[in-house]
Amino acid sequence: MRHIYEFNRHPISEEMLLGLGEGVGFICAKGGTGGGIFRYMFARFVREAADIVGDSRLNEAADAFGQIGDRWEAVAQIFRDGWESASPADALPAASAPLQAIADLEEAAWSRLVEIVA
């Protein structure tokens, strides 16, 4: 997760940016991830596990991963919009804060899941 915080600190070429915008938009929303960069799929898995093992605390974790999926979808839209604009580089500043928020949410969700199953 620490690399998400460094995302906007490294120079990136226009060619790399174009590929990034297209790739992130595709992977987050369509690329076989079930949407939300696999977080929706994982949320369903954790919710099913909650039912199987009878631990309702896992539903809280599932909710957190579903909300993280929503955040990833929003970032994907930022990159898709950037990809379609005249200046794709403009998407980077708009994505920076949401990516940092996702990193925090991911860390909290995974930590909580570890607490529940430990």
C-alpha atoms as a PDB file:
ATOM      1  CA  MET A   1       0.000   0.000   0.000  1.00  0.00           C
ATOM      2  CA  ARG A   2       2.851   2.402   0.662  1.00  0.00           C
ATOM      3  CA  HIS A   3       3.468   2.692  -3.088  1.00  0.00           C
ATOM      4  CA  ILE A   4       0.030   4.205  -3.618  1.00  0.00           C
ATOM      5  CA  TYR A   5       1.173   7.183  -1.559  1.00  0.00           C
ATOM      6  CA  GLU A   6       4.166   7.615  -3.880  1.00  0.00           C
ATOM      7  CA  PHE A   7       2.081   7.445  -7.064  1.00  0.00           C
ATOM      8  CA  ASN A   8       2.147  11.155  -7.856  1.00  0.00           C
ATOM      9  CA  ARG A   9       5.793  11.718  -6.848  1.00  0.00           C
ATOM     10  CA  HIS A  10       7.435  10.001  -9.806  1.00  0.00           C
ATOM     11  CA  PRO A  11       7.747  11.489 -13.287  1.00  0.00           C
ATOM     12  CA  ILE A  12       5.728   9.657 -15.880  1.00  0.00           C
ATOM     13  CA  SER A  13       5.893   9.954 -19.637  1.00  0.00           C
ATOM     14  CA  GLU A  14       2.855  10.858 -21.696  1.00  0.00           C
ATOM     15  CA  GLU A  15       2.985   7.414 -23.324  1.00  0.00           C
ATOM     16  CA  MET A  16       3.014   5.668 -19.948  1.00  0.00           C
ATOM     17  CA  LEU A  17       0.201   7.894 -18.737  1.00  0.00           C
ATOM     18  CA  LEU A  18      -1.965   7.020 -21.707  1.00  0.00           C
ATOM     19  CA  GLY A  19      -1.440   3.320 -21.066  1.00  0.00           C
ATOM     20  CA  LEU A  20      -2.059   3.766 -17.353  1.00  0.00           C
ATOM     21  CA  GLY A  21      -5.313   5.611 -17.890  1.00  0.00           C
ATOM     22  CA  GLU A  22      -6.621   3.034 -20.273  1.00  0.00           C
ATOM     23  CA  GLY A  23      -5.394   0.107 -18.173  1.00  0.00           C
ATOM     24  CA  VAL A  24      -6.681   1.306 -14.804  1.00  0.00           C
ATOM     25  CA  GLY A  25     -10.078   2.164 -16.220  1.00  0.00           C
ATOM     26  CA  PHE A  26     -10.354  -1.250 -17.832  1.00  0.00           C
ATOM     27  CA  ILE A  27      -9.000  -3.333 -14.949  1.00  0.00           C
ATOM     28  CA  CYS A  28     -11.079  -1.610 -12.279  1.00  0.00           C
ATOM     29  CA  ALA A  29     -14.371  -1.840 -14.079  1.00  0.00           C
ATOM     30  CA  LYS A  30     -14.282  -4.546 -16.728  1.00  0.00           C
ATOM     31  CA  GLY A  31     -11.101  -6.598 -16.828  1.00  0.00           C
ATOM     32  CA  GLY A  32     -12.504  -9.727 -15.252  1.00  0.00           C
ATOM     33  CA  THR A  33     -12.351  -8.255 -11.756  1.00  0.00           C
ATOM     34  CA  GLY A  34     -16.074  -8.279 -11.107  1.00  0.00           C
ATOM     35  CA  GLY A  35     -15.782  -4.508 -10.721  1.00  0.00           C
ATOM     36  CA  GLY A  36     -14.037  -2.515  -8.033  1.00  0.00           C
ATOM     37  CA  ILE A  37     -10.654  -4.159  -8.822  1.00  0.00           C
ATOM     38  CA  PHE A  38     -11.770  -7.469  -7.268  1.00  0.00           C
ATOM     39  CA  ARG A  39     -13.047  -5.835  -4.066  1.00  0.00           C
ATOM     40  CA  TYR A  40     -16.728  -6.563  -4.850  1.00  0.00           C
ATOM     41  CA  MET A  41     -15.895 -10.191  -5.528  1.00  0.00           C
ATOM     42  CA  PHE A  42     -13.857 -10.412  -2.330  1.00  0.00           C
ATOM     43  CA  ALA A  43     -16.664  -8.764  -0.343  1.00  0.00           C
ATOM     44  CA  ARG A  44     -19.073 -11.454  -1.566  1.00  0.00           C
ATOM     45  CA  PHE A  45     -16.558 -14.153  -0.596  1.00  0.00           C
ATOM     46  CA  VAL A  46     -16.121 -12.733   2.918  1.00  0.00           C
ATOM     47  CA  ARG A  47     -19.903 -12.410   3.329  1.00  0.00           C
ATOM     48  CA  GLU A  48     -20.308 -16.053   2.310  1.00  0.00           C
ATOM     49  CA  ALA A  49     -17.575 -17.024   4.784  1.00  0.00           C
ATOM     50  CA  ALA A  50     -19.484 -15.154   7.510  1.00  0.00           C
ATOM     51  CA  ASP A  51     -22.520 -17.332   6.832  1.00  0.00           C
ATOM     52  CA  ILE A  52     -20.507 -20.556   6.714  1.00  0.00           C
ATOM     53  CA  VAL A  53     -18.553 -19.980   9.932  1.00  0.00           C
ATOM     54  CA  GLY A  54     -21.324 -18.091  11.720  1.00  0.00           C
ATOM     55  CA  ASP A  55     -19.282 -14.982  12.495  1.00  0.00           C
ATOM     56  CA  SER A  56     -21.240 -11.820  11.743  1.00  0.00           C
ATOM     57  CA  ARG A  57     -18.118  -9.679  12.270  1.00  0.00           C
ATOM     58  CA  LEU A  58     -17.019 -10.832   8.841  1.00  0.00           C
ATOM     59  CA  ASN A  59     -19.998  -8.978   7.388  1.00  0.00           C
ATOM     60  CA  GLU A  60     -18.428  -5.731   8.624  1.00  0.00           C
ATOM     61  CA  ALA A  61     -15.261  -6.604   6.742  1.00  0.00           C
ATOM     62  CA  ALA A  62     -17.308  -7.472   3.657  1.00  0.00           C
ATOM     63  CA  ASP A  63     -19.006  -4.075   3.865  1.00  0.00           C
ATOM     64  CA  ALA A  64     -15.618  -2.359   4.078  1.00  0.00           C
ATOM     65  CA  PHE A  65     -14.324  -4.152   0.988  1.00  0.00           C
ATOM     66  CA  GLY A  66     -17.503  -3.294  -0.900  1.00  0.00           C
ATOM     67  CA  GLN A  67     -17.007   0.372  -0.049  1.00  0.00           C
ATOM     68  CA  ILE A  68     -13.389   0.152  -1.159  1.00  0.00           C
ATOM     69  CA  GLY A  69     -14.647  -1.282  -4.449  1.00  0.00           C
ATOM     70  CA  ASP A  70     -16.811   1.809  -4.838  1.00  0.00           C
ATOM     71  CA  ARG A  71     -13.726   3.974  -4.326  1.00  0.00           C
ATOM     72  CA  TRP A  72     -11.792   2.013  -6.947  1.00  0.00           C
ATOM     73  CA  GLU A  73     -14.657   2.481  -9.389  1.00  0.00           C
ATOM     74  CA  ALA A  74     -14.492   6.243  -8.802  1.00  0.00           C
ATOM     75  CA  VAL A  75     -10.723   6.250  -9.461  1.00  0.00           C
ATOM     76  CA  ALA A  76     -11.280   4.193 -12.612  1.00  0.00           C
ATOM     77  CA  GLN A  77     -13.732   6.829 -13.801  1.00  0.00           C
ATOM     78  CA  ILE A  78     -11.163   9.570 -13.188  1.00  0.00           C
ATOM     79  CA  PHE A  79      -8.691   7.688 -15.383  1.00  0.00           C
ATOM     80  CA  ARG A  80     -11.297   6.914 -18.055  1.00  0.00           C
ATOM     81  CA  ASP A  81     -12.237  10.595 -18.183  1.00  0.00           C
ATOM     82  CA  GLY A  82      -8.558  11.534 -18.388  1.00  0.00           C
ATOM     83  CA  TRP A  83      -7.962   8.988 -21.125  1.00  0.00           C
ATOM     84  CA  GLU A  84     -10.737  10.569 -23.178  1.00  0.00           C
ATOM     85  CA  SER A  85      -9.603  14.155 -22.583  1.00  0.00           C
ATOM     86  CA  ALA A  86      -7.210  16.247 -24.630  1.00  0.00           C
ATOM     87  CA  SER A  87      -4.696  16.161 -21.752  1.00  0.00           C
ATOM     88  CA  PRO A  88      -4.673  12.768 -19.978  1.00  0.00           C
ATOM     89  CA  ALA A  89      -2.051  14.021 -17.513  1.00  0.00           C
ATOM     90  CA  ASP A  90      -4.743  16.142 -15.900  1.00  0.00           C
ATOM     91  CA  ALA A  91      -6.175  12.960 -14.371  1.00  0.00           C
ATOM     92  CA  LEU A  92      -3.185  12.416 -12.076  1.00  0.00           C
ATOM     93  CA  PRO A  93      -3.817  15.219  -9.572  1.00  0.00           C
ATOM     94  CA  ALA A  94      -7.497  14.302  -9.425  1.00  0.00           C
ATOM     95  CA  ALA A  95      -6.640  10.669  -8.660  1.00  0.00           C
ATOM     96  CA  SER A  96      -4.005  11.350  -6.012  1.00  0.00           C
ATOM     97  CA  ALA A  97      -6.206  12.039  -2.974  1.00  0.00           C
ATOM     98  CA  PRO A  98      -8.675   9.220  -3.763  1.00  0.00           C
ATOM     99  CA  LEU A  99      -5.767   6.764  -4.121  1.00  0.00           C
ATOM    100  CA  GLN A 100      -4.358   7.848  -0.776  1.00  0.00           C
ATOM    101  CA  ALA A 101      -7.787   7.392   0.827  1.00  0.00           C
ATOM    102  CA  ILE A 102      -8.044   3.916  -0.720  1.00  0.00           C
ATOM    103  CA  ALA A 103      -4.662   2.998   0.748  1.00  0.00           C
ATOM    104  CA  ASP A 104      -5.873   3.969   4.220  1.00  0.00           C
ATOM    105  CA  LEU A 105      -9.156   2.101   3.814  1.00  0.00           C
ATOM    106  CA  GLU A 106      -7.397  -0.991   2.459  1.00  0.00           C
ATOM    107  CA  GLU A 107      -4.985  -1.044   5.381  1.00  0.00           C
ATOM    108  CA  ALA A 108      -7.813  -0.699   7.895  1.00  0.00           C
ATOM    109  CA  ALA A 109      -9.979  -3.347   6.209  1.00  0.00           C
ATOM    110  CA  TRP A 110      -7.183  -5.903   5.961  1.00  0.00           C
ATOM    111  CA  SER A 111      -6.085  -5.226   9.536  1.00  0.00           C
ATOM    112  CA  ARG A 112      -9.643  -5.714  10.774  1.00  0.00           C
ATOM    113  CA  LEU A 113      -9.977  -8.936   8.832  1.00  0.00           C
ATOM    114  CA  VAL A 114      -6.753 -10.235  10.403  1.00  0.00           C
ATOM    115  CA  GLU A 115      -8.114  -9.347  13.878  1.00  0.00           C
ATOM    116  CA  ILE A 116     -11.343 -11.215  13.210  1.00  0.00           C
ATOM    117  CA  VAL A 117      -9.781 -14.421  11.963  1.00  0.00           C
ATOM    118  CA  ALA A 118      -6.791 -14.496  14.348  1.00  0.00           C
END
